[in-house]
Amino acid sequence: MSQTFEVTGMSCGHCVNAVTEAVLTVDPHAQVTVDLPTGHVDVLSEQPRQDLVAAIENAGYKTQ
């Protein structure tokens, strides 16, 4: 299932990697695409949305 998150607080490539790695800790098989300028993170995963949100927020970013 494809899910899109609006993530704030990302400003560089390190942030992109941190968010990607956070999602991959929940679902190692997820496909993650981060658009840094817009803050949109697209995730293809069967994991529940709340688990993905928790992982992103635990990495230090806010989701909307």
N, C-alpha and C. Protein backbone atom coordinates (compact mmCIF):
# COMPACT_ATOMS: atom_id res chain seq x y z
N MET A 1 0.85 -1.16 0.00
CA MET A 1 0.00 0.00 0.00
C MET A 1 0.90 1.23 0.00
N SER A 2 0.57 2.19 -0.85
CA SER A 2 1.33 3.42 -0.95
C SER A 2 0.78 4.44 0.04
N GLN A 3 1.69 5.07 0.78
CA GLN A 3 1.32 6.08 1.76
C GLN A 3 2.22 7.28 1.58
N THR A 4 1.65 8.47 1.74
CA THR A 4 2.42 9.70 1.63
C THR A 4 2.37 10.44 2.95
N PHE A 5 3.53 10.92 3.36
CA PHE A 5 3.66 11.68 4.60
C PHE A 5 4.24 13.04 4.27
N GLU A 6 3.79 14.06 4.97
CA GLU A 6 4.41 15.37 4.89
C GLU A 6 5.29 15.49 6.13
N VAL A 7 6.60 15.55 5.90
CA VAL A 7 7.55 15.53 7.00
C VAL A 7 8.25 16.88 7.08
N THR A 8 8.25 17.46 8.28
CA THR A 8 8.93 18.74 8.47
C THR A 8 10.21 18.51 9.27
N GLY A 9 11.16 19.39 9.07
CA GLY A 9 12.42 19.32 9.78
C GLY A 9 13.55 18.75 8.96
N MET A 10 13.27 18.32 7.73
CA MET A 10 14.33 17.79 6.87
C MET A 10 14.97 18.95 6.11
N SER A 11 16.30 18.99 6.10
CA SER A 11 16.98 20.09 5.42
C SER A 11 18.18 19.67 4.58
N CYS A 12 18.54 18.38 4.61
CA CYS A 12 19.74 17.96 3.90
C CYS A 12 19.69 16.47 3.58
N GLY A 13 20.71 16.01 2.92
CA GLY A 13 20.80 14.60 2.56
C GLY A 13 20.85 13.69 3.78
N HIS A 14 21.47 14.16 4.85
CA HIS A 14 21.50 13.35 6.08
C HIS A 14 20.08 13.13 6.60
N CYS A 15 19.25 14.15 6.52
CA CYS A 15 17.86 14.02 6.96
C CYS A 15 17.11 13.00 6.10
N VAL A 16 17.35 13.05 4.81
CA VAL A 16 16.72 12.09 3.90
C VAL A 16 17.11 10.67 4.30
N ASN A 17 18.40 10.46 4.56
CA ASN A 17 18.87 9.14 4.96
C ASN A 17 18.28 8.72 6.30
N ALA A 18 18.17 9.65 7.24
CA ALA A 18 17.64 9.32 8.56
C ALA A 18 16.18 8.90 8.47
N VAL A 19 15.39 9.61 7.68
CA VAL A 19 13.97 9.26 7.52
C VAL A 19 13.84 7.91 6.81
N THR A 20 14.63 7.73 5.77
CA THR A 20 14.60 6.47 5.03
C THR A 20 14.95 5.30 5.94
N GLU A 21 16.02 5.45 6.70
CA GLU A 21 16.45 4.38 7.60
C GLU A 21 15.40 4.12 8.69
N ALA A 22 14.75 5.17 9.16
CA ALA A 22 13.70 4.99 10.18
C ALA A 22 12.57 4.12 9.64
N VAL A 23 12.15 4.40 8.42
CA VAL A 23 11.08 3.60 7.81
C VAL A 23 11.56 2.16 7.61
N LEU A 24 12.78 2.00 7.17
CA LEU A 24 13.30 0.66 6.91
C LEU A 24 13.48 -0.17 8.17
N THR A 25 13.57 0.47 9.34
CA THR A 25 13.63 -0.30 10.58
C THR A 25 12.29 -0.96 10.87
N VAL A 26 11.20 -0.32 10.42
CA VAL A 26 9.86 -0.88 10.60
C VAL A 26 9.57 -1.93 9.53
N ASP A 27 9.99 -1.64 8.30
CA ASP A 27 9.75 -2.55 7.18
C ASP A 27 10.97 -2.56 6.26
N PRO A 28 11.85 -3.54 6.44
CA PRO A 28 13.08 -3.60 5.64
C PRO A 28 12.84 -3.71 4.13
N HIS A 29 11.63 -4.08 3.74
CA HIS A 29 11.32 -4.25 2.32
C HIS A 29 10.57 -3.05 1.74
N ALA A 30 10.37 -2.02 2.53
CA ALA A 30 9.64 -0.84 2.06
C ALA A 30 10.42 -0.12 0.97
N GLN A 31 9.68 0.52 0.09
CA GLN A 31 10.27 1.40 -0.90
C GLN A 31 9.99 2.82 -0.44
N VAL A 32 11.04 3.61 -0.27
CA VAL A 32 10.91 4.96 0.28
C VAL A 32 11.46 5.96 -0.72
N THR A 33 10.65 6.98 -1.01
CA THR A 33 11.08 8.07 -1.88
C THR A 33 10.86 9.37 -1.13
N VAL A 34 11.94 10.15 -0.97
CA VAL A 34 11.87 11.41 -0.24
C VAL A 34 12.10 12.56 -1.21
N ASP A 35 11.17 13.52 -1.20
CA ASP A 35 11.31 14.74 -1.99
C ASP A 35 11.66 15.84 -0.99
N LEU A 36 12.94 16.12 -0.85
CA LEU A 36 13.42 17.06 0.15
C LEU A 36 12.81 18.46 0.02
N PRO A 37 12.76 19.05 -1.19
CA PRO A 37 12.20 20.41 -1.29
C PRO A 37 10.75 20.53 -0.83
N THR A 38 9.94 19.50 -1.07
CA THR A 38 8.53 19.59 -0.68
C THR A 38 8.26 18.96 0.68
N GLY A 39 9.17 18.13 1.16
CA GLY A 39 8.97 17.44 2.43
C GLY A 39 8.07 16.22 2.33
N HIS A 40 7.78 15.79 1.11
CA HIS A 40 6.91 14.63 0.94
C HIS A 40 7.74 13.34 0.96
N VAL A 41 7.23 12.39 1.72
CA VAL A 41 7.86 11.08 1.80
C VAL A 41 6.82 10.06 1.35
N ASP A 42 7.11 9.36 0.27
CA ASP A 42 6.23 8.31 -0.24
C ASP A 42 6.80 6.97 0.18
N VAL A 43 5.93 6.16 0.76
CA VAL A 43 6.36 4.85 1.26
C VAL A 43 5.44 3.78 0.70
N LEU A 44 6.03 2.77 0.12
CA LEU A 44 5.29 1.60 -0.34
C LEU A 44 5.56 0.51 0.68
N SER A 45 4.56 0.24 1.54
CA SER A 45 4.72 -0.70 2.64
C SER A 45 3.36 -1.19 3.09
N GLU A 46 3.33 -2.40 3.63
CA GLU A 46 2.10 -2.95 4.18
C GLU A 46 1.98 -2.66 5.68
N GLN A 47 2.97 -1.99 6.25
CA GLN A 47 2.93 -1.70 7.68
C GLN A 47 1.88 -0.63 7.99
N PRO A 48 1.29 -0.68 9.18
CA PRO A 48 0.31 0.33 9.56
C PRO A 48 0.91 1.74 9.57
N ARG A 49 0.11 2.69 9.15
CA ARG A 49 0.55 4.08 9.07
C ARG A 49 1.12 4.57 10.40
N GLN A 50 0.45 4.22 11.51
CA GLN A 50 0.90 4.73 12.80
C GLN A 50 2.29 4.21 13.16
N ASP A 51 2.65 3.02 12.70
CA ASP A 51 4.00 2.49 12.96
C ASP A 51 5.05 3.27 12.18
N LEU A 52 4.72 3.63 10.94
CA LEU A 52 5.65 4.40 10.12
C LEU A 52 5.80 5.82 10.68
N VAL A 53 4.69 6.42 11.09
CA VAL A 53 4.74 7.76 11.69
C VAL A 53 5.60 7.74 12.95
N ALA A 54 5.40 6.74 13.79
CA ALA A 54 6.17 6.64 15.03
C ALA A 54 7.67 6.54 14.73
N ALA A 55 8.04 5.76 13.73
CA ALA A 55 9.45 5.61 13.38
C ALA A 55 10.04 6.93 12.90
N ILE A 56 9.31 7.65 12.05
CA ILE A 56 9.79 8.94 11.53
C ILE A 56 9.92 9.94 12.67
N GLU A 57 8.93 9.99 13.54
CA GLU A 57 8.97 10.94 14.65
C GLU A 57 10.03 10.57 15.68
N ASN A 58 10.28 9.28 15.89
CA ASN A 58 11.36 8.86 16.79
C ASN A 58 12.72 9.24 16.24
N ALA A 59 12.82 9.43 14.93
CA ALA A 59 14.07 9.85 14.31
C ALA A 59 14.27 11.37 14.44
N GLY A 60 13.26 12.07 14.99
CA GLY A 60 13.41 13.50 15.24
C GLY A 60 12.69 14.41 14.29
N TYR A 61 11.77 13.89 13.51
CA TYR A 61 11.05 14.70 12.51
C TYR A 61 9.57 14.71 12.84
N LYS A 62 8.86 15.68 12.33
CA LYS A 62 7.41 15.80 12.54
C LYS A 62 6.69 15.37 11.29
N THR A 63 5.56 14.69 11.46
CA THR A 63 4.74 14.29 10.32
C THR A 63 3.38 14.96 10.42
N GLN A 64 2.78 15.15 9.26
CA GLN A 64 1.43 15.74 9.22
C GLN A 64 0.54 14.86 8.38
